[in-house]
Amino acid sequence: MPAYVVLGNFTDQGIRNIKNLRQLRDAAEGWTASKGGRVIANYTTFGQYDFVYVAELPSDELALEAALTFGSQGEVRTQVLKAFEEDKVIEIVERVL
């Protein structure tokens, strides 16, 4: 199943509502499970990003749906990266060489 790394920041609205962080985290994890995915990691961070969320989802379309679903609520802005397993990368590199 494809893996996705979500780098996120809270919007001004998200910071004002930070007391709801547990509900937001639970909603993201519940949404992922309801779509047949699996949460790999869910970290709060400091620095350039406020959180890093890593999950497996069945498709790119569901990753886009997640970004739109949570982004449209106005609490977070995200960058979603598709992650590739090392074995798959080596297989692709060997085809190139």
PDB file of N, CA and C in Angstrom:
ATOM      1  N   MET A   1       0.861  -1.173   0.000  1.00  0.00           N
ATOM      2  CA  MET A   1       0.000   0.000   0.000  1.00  0.00           C
ATOM      3  C   MET A   1       0.908   1.236   0.000  1.00  0.00           C
ATOM      4  N   PRO A   2       0.594   2.234  -0.829  1.00  0.00           N
ATOM      5  CA  PRO A   2       1.424   3.441  -0.870  1.00  0.00           C
ATOM      6  C   PRO A   2       1.457   4.173   0.474  1.00  0.00           C
ATOM      7  N   ALA A   3       2.608   4.747   0.762  1.00  0.00           N
ATOM      8  CA  ALA A   3       2.777   5.530   1.989  1.00  0.00           C
ATOM      9  C   ALA A   3       2.878   7.011   1.627  1.00  0.00           C
ATOM     10  N   TYR A   4       2.393   7.854   2.532  1.00  0.00           N
ATOM     11  CA  TYR A   4       2.384   9.303   2.331  1.00  0.00           C
ATOM     12  C   TYR A   4       2.892   9.983   3.593  1.00  0.00           C
ATOM     13  N   VAL A   5       3.733  10.984   3.386  1.00  0.00           N
ATOM     14  CA  VAL A   5       4.242  11.801   4.479  1.00  0.00           C
ATOM     15  C   VAL A   5       3.549  13.157   4.359  1.00  0.00           C
ATOM     16  N   VAL A   6       2.842  13.542   5.399  1.00  0.00           N
ATOM     17  CA  VAL A   6       2.129  14.820   5.410  1.00  0.00           C
ATOM     18  C   VAL A   6       2.884  15.775   6.329  1.00  0.00           C
ATOM     19  N   LEU A   7       3.370  16.869   5.750  1.00  0.00           N
ATOM     20  CA  LEU A   7       4.024  17.927   6.512  1.00  0.00           C
ATOM     21  C   LEU A   7       2.998  19.022   6.685  1.00  0.00           C
ATOM     22  N   GLY A   8       2.711  19.408   7.919  1.00  0.00           N
ATOM     23  CA  GLY A   8       1.607  20.330   8.132  1.00  0.00           C
ATOM     24  C   GLY A   8       1.907  21.476   9.061  1.00  0.00           C
ATOM     25  N   ASN A   9       1.133  22.528   8.856  1.00  0.00           N
ATOM     26  CA  ASN A   9       1.163  23.698   9.730  1.00  0.00           C
ATOM     27  C   ASN A   9      -0.263  24.050  10.120  1.00  0.00           C
ATOM     28  N   PHE A  10      -0.397  24.562  11.334  1.00  0.00           N
ATOM     29  CA  PHE A  10      -1.686  25.066  11.769  1.00  0.00           C
ATOM     30  C   PHE A  10      -1.889  26.459  11.180  1.00  0.00           C
ATOM     31  N   THR A  11      -3.087  26.729  10.737  1.00  0.00           N
ATOM     32  CA  THR A  11      -3.441  28.067  10.286  1.00  0.00           C
ATOM     33  C   THR A  11      -3.674  28.936  11.515  1.00  0.00           C
ATOM     34  N   ASP A  12      -3.939  30.220  11.296  1.00  0.00           N
ATOM     35  CA  ASP A  12      -4.300  31.092  12.420  1.00  0.00           C
ATOM     36  C   ASP A  12      -5.511  30.530  13.157  1.00  0.00           C
ATOM     37  N   GLN A  13      -6.487  30.070  12.389  1.00  0.00           N
ATOM     38  CA  GLN A  13      -7.686  29.457  12.990  1.00  0.00           C
ATOM     39  C   GLN A  13      -7.304  28.213  13.781  1.00  0.00           C
ATOM     40  N   GLY A  14      -6.405  27.391  13.236  1.00  0.00           N
ATOM     41  CA  GLY A  14      -5.980  26.174  13.917  1.00  0.00           C
ATOM     42  C   GLY A  14      -5.279  26.465  15.237  1.00  0.00           C
ATOM     43  N   ILE A  15      -4.468  27.511  15.263  1.00  0.00           N
ATOM     44  CA  ILE A  15      -3.791  27.886  16.517  1.00  0.00           C
ATOM     45  C   ILE A  15      -4.811  28.398  17.530  1.00  0.00           C
ATOM     46  N   ARG A  16      -5.778  29.201  17.071  1.00  0.00           N
ATOM     47  CA  ARG A  16      -6.811  29.683  18.001  1.00  0.00           C
ATOM     48  C   ARG A  16      -7.601  28.528  18.599  1.00  0.00           C
ATOM     49  N   ASN A  17      -7.739  27.437  17.847  1.00  0.00           N
ATOM     50  CA  ASN A  17      -8.513  26.278  18.298  1.00  0.00           C
ATOM     51  C   ASN A  17      -7.616  25.125  18.741  1.00  0.00           C
ATOM     52  N   ILE A  18      -6.383  25.412  19.138  1.00  0.00           N
ATOM     53  CA  ILE A  18      -5.426  24.354  19.462  1.00  0.00           C
ATOM     54  C   ILE A  18      -5.913  23.446  20.593  1.00  0.00           C
ATOM     55  N   LYS A  19      -6.820  23.936  21.414  1.00  0.00           N
ATOM     56  CA  LYS A  19      -7.368  23.091  22.481  1.00  0.00           C
ATOM     57  C   LYS A  19      -8.102  21.885  21.911  1.00  0.00           C
ATOM     58  N   ASN A  20      -8.436  21.929  20.619  1.00  0.00           N
ATOM     59  CA  ASN A  20      -9.118  20.818  19.954  1.00  0.00           C
ATOM     60  C   ASN A  20      -8.141  19.871  19.254  1.00  0.00           C
ATOM     61  N   LEU A  21      -6.864  19.969  19.603  1.00  0.00           N
ATOM     62  CA  LEU A  21      -5.844  19.156  18.929  1.00  0.00           C
ATOM     63  C   LEU A  21      -6.150  17.669  19.011  1.00  0.00           C
ATOM     64  N   ARG A  22      -6.554  17.194  20.179  1.00  0.00           N
ATOM     65  CA  ARG A  22      -6.846  15.759  20.318  1.00  0.00           C
ATOM     66  C   ARG A  22      -7.951  15.331  19.346  1.00  0.00           C
ATOM     67  N   GLN A  23      -9.002  16.148  19.212  1.00  0.00           N
ATOM     68  CA  GLN A  23     -10.091  15.802  18.293  1.00  0.00           C
ATOM     69  C   GLN A  23      -9.604  15.791  16.838  1.00  0.00           C
ATOM     70  N   LEU A  24      -8.734  16.733  16.483  1.00  0.00           N
ATOM     71  CA  LEU A  24      -8.205  16.781  15.128  1.00  0.00           C
ATOM     72  C   LEU A  24      -7.345  15.552  14.840  1.00  0.00           C
ATOM     73  N   ARG A  25      -6.497  15.191  15.792  1.00  0.00           N
ATOM     74  CA  ARG A  25      -5.655  14.003  15.621  1.00  0.00           C
ATOM     75  C   ARG A  25      -6.513  12.742  15.516  1.00  0.00           C
ATOM     76  N   ASP A  26      -7.515  12.632  16.394  1.00  0.00           N
ATOM     77  CA  ASP A  26      -8.408  11.474  16.353  1.00  0.00           C
ATOM     78  C   ASP A  26      -9.175  11.412  15.034  1.00  0.00           C
ATOM     79  N   ALA A  27      -9.597  12.568  14.538  1.00  0.00           N
ATOM     80  CA  ALA A  27     -10.332  12.616  13.269  1.00  0.00           C
ATOM     81  C   ALA A  27      -9.444  12.145  12.118  1.00  0.00           C
ATOM     82  N   ALA A  28      -8.195  12.598  12.093  1.00  0.00           N
ATOM     83  CA  ALA A  28      -7.277  12.187  11.023  1.00  0.00           C
ATOM     84  C   ALA A  28      -7.004  10.684  11.086  1.00  0.00           C
ATOM     85  N   GLU A  29      -6.758  10.184  12.278  1.00  0.00           N
ATOM     86  CA  GLU A  29      -6.480   8.760  12.417  1.00  0.00           C
ATOM     87  C   GLU A  29      -7.717   7.905  12.115  1.00  0.00           C
ATOM     88  N   GLY A  30      -8.890   8.378  12.551  1.00  0.00           N
ATOM     89  CA  GLY A  30     -10.133   7.665  12.261  1.00  0.00           C
ATOM     90  C   GLY A  30     -10.454   7.677  10.777  1.00  0.00           C
ATOM     91  N   TRP A  31     -10.231   8.813  10.128  1.00  0.00           N
ATOM     92  CA  TRP A  31     -10.487   8.924   8.685  1.00  0.00           C
ATOM     93  C   TRP A  31      -9.592   7.936   7.946  1.00  0.00           C
ATOM     94  N   THR A  32      -8.315   7.901   8.312  1.00  0.00           N
ATOM     95  CA  THR A  32      -7.370   6.995   7.654  1.00  0.00           C
ATOM     96  C   THR A  32      -7.829   5.545   7.793  1.00  0.00           C
ATOM     97  N   ALA A  33      -8.199   5.143   8.982  1.00  0.00           N
ATOM     98  CA  ALA A  33      -8.660   3.772   9.207  1.00  0.00           C
ATOM     99  C   ALA A  33      -9.937   3.477   8.430  1.00  0.00           C
ATOM    100  N   SER A  34     -10.849   4.441   8.373  1.00  0.00           N
ATOM    101  CA  SER A  34     -12.127   4.228   7.686  1.00  0.00           C
ATOM    102  C   SER A  34     -11.957   4.039   6.181  1.00  0.00           C
ATOM    103  N   LYS A  35     -10.834   4.496   5.641  1.00  0.00           N
ATOM    104  CA  LYS A  35     -10.558   4.357   4.202  1.00  0.00           C
ATOM    105  C   LYS A  35      -9.667   3.160   3.908  1.00  0.00           C
ATOM    106  N   GLY A  36      -9.452   2.319   4.923  1.00  0.00           N
ATOM    107  CA  GLY A  36      -8.635   1.122   4.732  1.00  0.00           C
ATOM    108  C   GLY A  36      -7.150   1.388   4.847  1.00  0.00           C
ATOM    109  N   GLY A  37      -6.785   2.529   5.423  1.00  0.00           N
ATOM    110  CA  GLY A  37      -5.384   2.872   5.575  1.00  0.00           C
ATOM    111  C   GLY A  37      -4.852   2.523   6.951  1.00  0.00           C
ATOM    112  N   ARG A  38      -3.588   2.881   7.161  1.00  0.00           N
ATOM    113  CA  ARG A  38      -2.924   2.596   8.429  1.00  0.00           C
ATOM    114  C   ARG A  38      -2.022   3.768   8.783  1.00  0.00           C
ATOM    115  N   VAL A  39      -2.139   4.251  10.020  1.00  0.00           N
ATOM    116  CA  VAL A  39      -1.279   5.323  10.503  1.00  0.00           C
ATOM    117  C   VAL A  39       0.063   4.717  10.904  1.00  0.00           C
ATOM    118  N   ILE A  40       1.137   5.253  10.363  1.00  0.00           N
ATOM    119  CA  ILE A  40       2.479   4.805  10.712  1.00  0.00           C
ATOM    120  C   ILE A  40       3.046   5.666  11.826  1.00  0.00           C
ATOM    121  N   ALA A  41       2.827   6.971  11.747  1.00  0.00           N
ATOM    122  CA  ALA A  41       3.334   7.900  12.764  1.00  0.00           C
ATOM    123  C   ALA A  41       2.499   9.170  12.735  1.00  0.00           C
ATOM    124  N   ASN A  42       2.399   9.809  13.897  1.00  0.00           N
ATOM    125  CA  ASN A  42       1.676  11.075  14.015  1.00  0.00           C
ATOM    126  C   ASN A  42       2.405  11.897  15.074  1.00  0.00           C
ATOM    127  N   TYR A  43       3.233  12.819  14.616  1.00  0.00           N
ATOM    128  CA  TYR A  43       4.083  13.586  15.522  1.00  0.00           C
ATOM    129  C   TYR A  43       3.735  15.071  15.501  1.00  0.00           C
ATOM    130  N   THR A  44       3.783  15.699  16.655  1.00  0.00           N
ATOM    131  CA  THR A  44       3.794  17.152  16.740  1.00  0.00           C
ATOM    132  C   THR A  44       5.263  17.544  16.737  1.00  0.00           C
ATOM    133  N   THR A  45       5.600  18.568  15.956  1.00  0.00           N
ATOM    134  CA  THR A  45       6.989  18.973  15.813  1.00  0.00           C
ATOM    135  C   THR A  45       7.117  20.471  16.026  1.00  0.00           C
ATOM    136  N   PHE A  46       8.339  20.940  16.146  1.00  0.00           N
ATOM    137  CA  PHE A  46       8.570  22.380  16.112  1.00  0.00           C
ATOM    138  C   PHE A  46       9.657  22.638  15.090  1.00  0.00           C
ATOM    139  N   GLY A  47       9.672  23.834  14.578  1.00  0.00           N
ATOM    140  CA  GLY A  47      10.551  24.159  13.471  1.00  0.00           C
ATOM    141  C   GLY A  47       9.676  24.605  12.310  1.00  0.00           C
ATOM    142  N   GLN A  48      10.043  24.226  11.104  1.00  0.00           N
ATOM    143  CA  GLN A  48       9.322  24.663   9.912  1.00  0.00           C
ATOM    144  C   GLN A  48       7.888  24.124   9.854  1.00  0.00           C
ATOM    145  N   TYR A  49       7.673  22.926  10.391  1.00  0.00           N
ATOM    146  CA  TYR A  49       6.346  22.311  10.359  1.00  0.00           C
ATOM    147  C   TYR A  49       5.850  22.062  11.778  1.00  0.00           C
ATOM    148  N   ASP A  50       4.528  22.124  11.944  1.00  0.00           N
ATOM    149  CA  ASP A  50       3.903  21.899  13.249  1.00  0.00           C
ATOM    150  C   ASP A  50       3.618  20.425  13.501  1.00  0.00           C
ATOM    151  N   PHE A  51       3.478  19.653  12.437  1.00  0.00           N
ATOM    152  CA  PHE A  51       3.243  18.219  12.616  1.00  0.00           C
ATOM    153  C   PHE A  51       3.702  17.441  11.392  1.00  0.00           C
ATOM    154  N   VAL A  52       3.976  16.157  11.623  1.00  0.00           N
ATOM    155  CA  VAL A  52       4.306  15.204  10.565  1.00  0.00           C
ATOM    156  C   VAL A  52       3.403  13.996  10.777  1.00  0.00           C
ATOM    157  N   TYR A  53       2.676  13.647   9.733  1.00  0.00           N
ATOM    158  CA  TYR A  53       1.722  12.537   9.779  1.00  0.00           C
ATOM    159  C   TYR A  53       2.126  11.576   8.673  1.00  0.00           C
ATOM    160  N   VAL A  54       2.369  10.326   9.008  1.00  0.00           N
ATOM    161  CA  VAL A  54       2.783   9.332   8.020  1.00  0.00           C
ATOM    162  C   VAL A  54       1.743   8.220   8.029  1.00  0.00           C
ATOM    163  N   ALA A  55       1.216   7.927   6.841  1.00  0.00           N
ATOM    164  CA  ALA A  55       0.165   6.911   6.754  1.00  0.00           C
ATOM    165  C   ALA A  55       0.252   6.159   5.440  1.00  0.00           C
ATOM    166  N   GLU A  56      -0.269   4.959   5.452  1.00  0.00           N
ATOM    167  CA  GLU A  56      -0.484   4.197   4.233  1.00  0.00           C
ATOM    168  C   GLU A  56      -1.946   4.357   3.848  1.00  0.00           C
ATOM    169  N   LEU A  57      -2.196   4.578   2.568  1.00  0.00           N
ATOM    170  CA  LEU A  57      -3.556   4.657   2.034  1.00  0.00           C
ATOM    171  C   LEU A  57      -3.612   3.834   0.755  1.00  0.00           C
ATOM    172  N   PRO A  58      -4.778   3.319   0.401  1.00  0.00           N
ATOM    173  CA  PRO A  58      -4.883   2.474  -0.778  1.00  0.00           C
ATOM    174  C   PRO A  58      -4.574   3.163  -2.113  1.00  0.00           C
ATOM    175  N   SER A  59      -4.667   4.497  -2.189  1.00  0.00           N
ATOM    176  CA  SER A  59      -4.466   5.137  -3.491  1.00  0.00           C
ATOM    177  C   SER A  59      -4.086   6.610  -3.354  1.00  0.00           C
ATOM    178  N   ASP A  60      -3.522   7.140  -4.437  1.00  0.00           N
ATOM    179  CA  ASP A  60      -3.219   8.570  -4.506  1.00  0.00           C
ATOM    180  C   ASP A  60      -4.495   9.401  -4.395  1.00  0.00           C
ATOM    181  N   GLU A  61      -5.567   8.895  -4.959  1.00  0.00           N
ATOM    182  CA  GLU A  61      -6.837   9.621  -4.911  1.00  0.00           C
ATOM    183  C   GLU A  61      -7.307   9.821  -3.472  1.00  0.00           C
ATOM    184  N   LEU A  62      -7.128   8.810  -2.636  1.00  0.00           N
ATOM    185  CA  LEU A  62      -7.512   8.953  -1.232  1.00  0.00           C
ATOM    186  C   LEU A  62      -6.589   9.920  -0.496  1.00  0.00           C
ATOM    187  N   ALA A  63      -5.318   9.956  -0.864  1.00  0.00           N
ATOM    188  CA  ALA A  63      -4.404  10.931  -0.258  1.00  0.00           C
ATOM    189  C   ALA A  63      -4.849  12.348  -0.616  1.00  0.00           C
ATOM    190  N   LEU A  64      -5.259  12.550  -1.860  1.00  0.00           N
ATOM    191  CA  LEU A  64      -5.773  13.860  -2.266  1.00  0.00           C
ATOM    192  C   LEU A  64      -7.065  14.186  -1.529  1.00  0.00           C
ATOM    193  N   GLU A  65      -7.952  13.196  -1.410  1.00  0.00           N
ATOM    194  CA  GLU A  65      -9.203  13.404  -0.677  1.00  0.00           C
ATOM    195  C   GLU A  65      -8.924  13.828   0.764  1.00  0.00           C
ATOM    196  N   ALA A  66      -7.950  13.200   1.399  1.00  0.00           N
ATOM    197  CA  ALA A  66      -7.600  13.558   2.775  1.00  0.00           C
ATOM    198  C   ALA A  66      -7.109  14.998   2.850  1.00  0.00           C
ATOM    199  N   ALA A  67      -6.219  15.373   1.946  1.00  0.00           N
ATOM    200  CA  ALA A  67      -5.683  16.739   1.955  1.00  0.00           C
ATOM    201  C   ALA A  67      -6.802  17.755   1.766  1.00  0.00           C
ATOM    202  N   LEU A  68      -7.724  17.476   0.860  1.00  0.00           N
ATOM    203  CA  LEU A  68      -8.840  18.399   0.613  1.00  0.00           C
ATOM    204  C   LEU A  68      -9.819  18.413   1.785  1.00  0.00           C
ATOM    205  N   THR A  69     -10.097  17.251   2.340  1.00  0.00           N
ATOM    206  CA  THR A  69     -11.036  17.154   3.464  1.00  0.00           C
ATOM    207  C   THR A  69     -10.548  17.956   4.653  1.00  0.00           C
ATOM    208  N   PHE A  70      -9.303  17.738   5.043  1.00  0.00           N
ATOM    209  CA  PHE A  70      -8.792  18.413   6.241  1.00  0.00           C
ATOM    210  C   PHE A  70      -8.396  19.857   5.948  1.00  0.00           C
ATOM    211  N   GLY A  71      -7.912  20.130   4.758  1.00  0.00           N
ATOM    212  CA  GLY A  71      -7.584  21.505   4.393  1.00  0.00           C
ATOM    213  C   GLY A  71      -8.802  22.400   4.318  1.00  0.00           C
ATOM    214  N   SER A  72      -9.918  21.850   3.856  1.00  0.00           N
ATOM    215  CA  SER A  72     -11.136  22.658   3.696  1.00  0.00           C
ATOM    216  C   SER A  72     -11.758  23.065   5.026  1.00  0.00           C
ATOM    217  N   GLN A  73     -11.337  22.435   6.116  1.00  0.00           N
ATOM    218  CA  GLN A  73     -11.861  22.792   7.436  1.00  0.00           C
ATOM    219  C   GLN A  73     -11.191  24.037   8.007  1.00  0.00           C
ATOM    220  N   GLY A  74     -10.081  24.456   7.385  1.00  0.00           N
ATOM    221  CA  GLY A  74      -9.450  25.707   7.773  1.00  0.00           C
ATOM    222  C   GLY A  74      -8.489  25.647   8.944  1.00  0.00           C
ATOM    223  N   GLU A  75      -8.239  24.474   9.493  1.00  0.00           N
ATOM    224  CA  GLU A  75      -7.362  24.347  10.664  1.00  0.00           C
ATOM    225  C   GLU A  75      -5.896  24.130  10.291  1.00  0.00           C
ATOM    226  N   VAL A  76      -5.660  23.489   9.131  1.00  0.00           N
ATOM    227  CA  VAL A  76      -4.295  23.116   8.755  1.00  0.00           C
ATOM    228  C   VAL A  76      -4.035  23.384   7.270  1.00  0.00           C
ATOM    229  N   ARG A  77      -2.755  23.547   6.963  1.00  0.00           N
ATOM    230  CA  ARG A  77      -2.262  23.560   5.588  1.00  0.00           C
ATOM    231  C   ARG A  77      -1.224  22.445   5.518  1.00  0.00           C
ATOM    232  N   THR A  78      -1.253  21.691   4.414  1.00  0.00           N
ATOM    233  CA  THR A  78      -0.373  20.535   4.332  1.00  0.00           C
ATOM    234  C   THR A  78       0.390  20.475   3.021  1.00  0.00           C
ATOM    235  N   GLN A  79       1.492  19.758   3.062  1.00  0.00           N
ATOM    236  CA  GLN A  79       2.212  19.298   1.881  1.00  0.00           C
ATOM    237  C   GLN A  79       2.230  17.782   2.000  1.00  0.00           C
ATOM    238  N   VAL A  80       1.830  17.104   0.941  1.00  0.00           N
ATOM    239  CA  VAL A  80       1.774  15.642   0.975  1.00  0.00           C
ATOM    240  C   VAL A  80       2.854  15.098   0.048  1.00  0.00           C
ATOM    241  N   LEU A  81       3.671  14.219   0.589  1.00  0.00           N
ATOM    242  CA  LEU A  81       4.737  13.579  -0.175  1.00  0.00           C
ATOM    243  C   LEU A  81       4.431  12.096  -0.301  1.00  0.00           C
ATOM    244  N   LYS A  82       4.550  11.564  -1.502  1.00  0.00           N
ATOM    245  CA  LYS A  82       4.404  10.121  -1.663  1.00  0.00           C
ATOM    246  C   LYS A  82       5.756   9.494  -1.367  1.00  0.00           C
ATOM    247  N   ALA A  83       5.767   8.480  -0.523  1.00  0.00           N
ATOM    248  CA  ALA A  83       7.009   7.817  -0.129  1.00  0.00           C
ATOM    249  C   ALA A  83       7.131   6.475  -0.854  1.00  0.00           C
ATOM    250  N   PHE A  84       8.354   6.123  -1.180  1.00  0.00           N
ATOM    251  CA  PHE A  84       8.612   4.869  -1.883  1.00  0.00           C
ATOM    252  C   PHE A  84       9.497   3.978  -1.016  1.00  0.00           C
ATOM    253  N   GLU A  85       9.153   2.705  -0.963  1.00  0.00           N
ATOM    254  CA  GLU A  85       9.951   1.744  -0.205  1.00  0.00           C
ATOM    255  C   GLU A  85      11.293   1.547  -0.899  1.00  0.00           C
ATOM    256  N   GLU A  86      12.322   1.308  -0.102  1.00  0.00           N
ATOM    257  CA  GLU A  86      13.693   1.201  -0.619  1.00  0.00           C
ATOM    258  C   GLU A  86      13.820   0.134  -1.703  1.00  0.00           C
ATOM    259  N   ASP A  87      13.190  -1.037  -1.523  1.00  0.00           N
ATOM    260  CA  ASP A  87      13.283  -2.098  -2.523  1.00  0.00           C
ATOM    261  C   ASP A  87      12.733  -1.646  -3.868  1.00  0.00           C
ATOM    262  N   LYS A  88      11.632  -0.907  -3.849  1.00  0.00           N
ATOM    263  CA  LYS A  88      11.026  -0.424  -5.089  1.00  0.00           C
ATOM    264  C   LYS A  88      11.950   0.591  -5.770  1.00  0.00           C
ATOM    265  N   VAL A  89      12.580   1.459  -4.985  1.00  0.00           N
ATOM    266  CA  VAL A  89      13.498   2.454  -5.542  1.00  0.00           C
ATOM    267  C   VAL A  89      14.692   1.761  -6.199  1.00  0.00           C
ATOM    268  N   ILE A  90      15.251   0.759  -5.532  1.00  0.00           N
ATOM    269  CA  ILE A  90      16.386   0.039  -6.097  1.00  0.00           C
ATOM    270  C   ILE A  90      15.996  -0.642  -7.397  1.00  0.00           C
ATOM    271  N   GLU A  91      14.803  -1.225  -7.425  1.00  0.00           N
ATOM    272  CA  GLU A  91      14.310  -1.865  -8.653  1.00  0.00           C
ATOM    273  C   GLU A  91      14.228  -0.857  -9.802  1.00  0.00           C
ATOM    274  N   ILE A  92      13.732   0.323  -9.532  1.00  0.00           N
ATOM    275  CA  ILE A  92      13.609   1.366 -10.556  1.00  0.00           C
ATOM    276  C   ILE A  92      14.984   1.851 -10.988  1.00  0.00           C
ATOM    277  N   VAL A  93      15.868   2.071 -10.024  1.00  0.00           N
ATOM    278  CA  VAL A  93      17.229   2.528 -10.342  1.00  0.00           C
ATOM    279  C   VAL A  93      17.941   1.509 -11.233  1.00  0.00           C
ATOM    280  N   GLU A  94      17.769   0.249 -10.945  1.00  0.00           N
ATOM    281  CA  GLU A  94      18.414  -0.782 -11.766  1.00  0.00           C
ATOM    282  C   GLU A  94      17.902  -0.796 -13.196  1.00  0.00           C
ATOM    283  N   ARG A  95      16.666  -0.410 -13.422  1.00  0.00           N
ATOM    284  CA  ARG A  95      16.129  -0.308 -14.784  1.00  0.00           C
ATOM    285  C   ARG A  95      16.739   0.882 -15.511  1.00  0.00           C
ATOM    286  N   VAL A  96      17.093   1.912 -14.766  1.00  0.00           N
ATOM    287  CA  VAL A  96      17.636   3.124 -15.368  1.00  0.00           C
ATOM    288  C   VAL A  96      19.098   2.922 -15.792  1.00  0.00           C
ATOM    289  N   LEU A  97      19.840   2.185 -14.978  1.00  0.00           N
ATOM    290  CA  LEU A  97      21.278   2.024 -15.229  1.00  0.00           C
ATOM    291  C   LEU A  97      21.589   1.044 -16.332  1.00  0.00           C
TER     292      LEU A  97
END
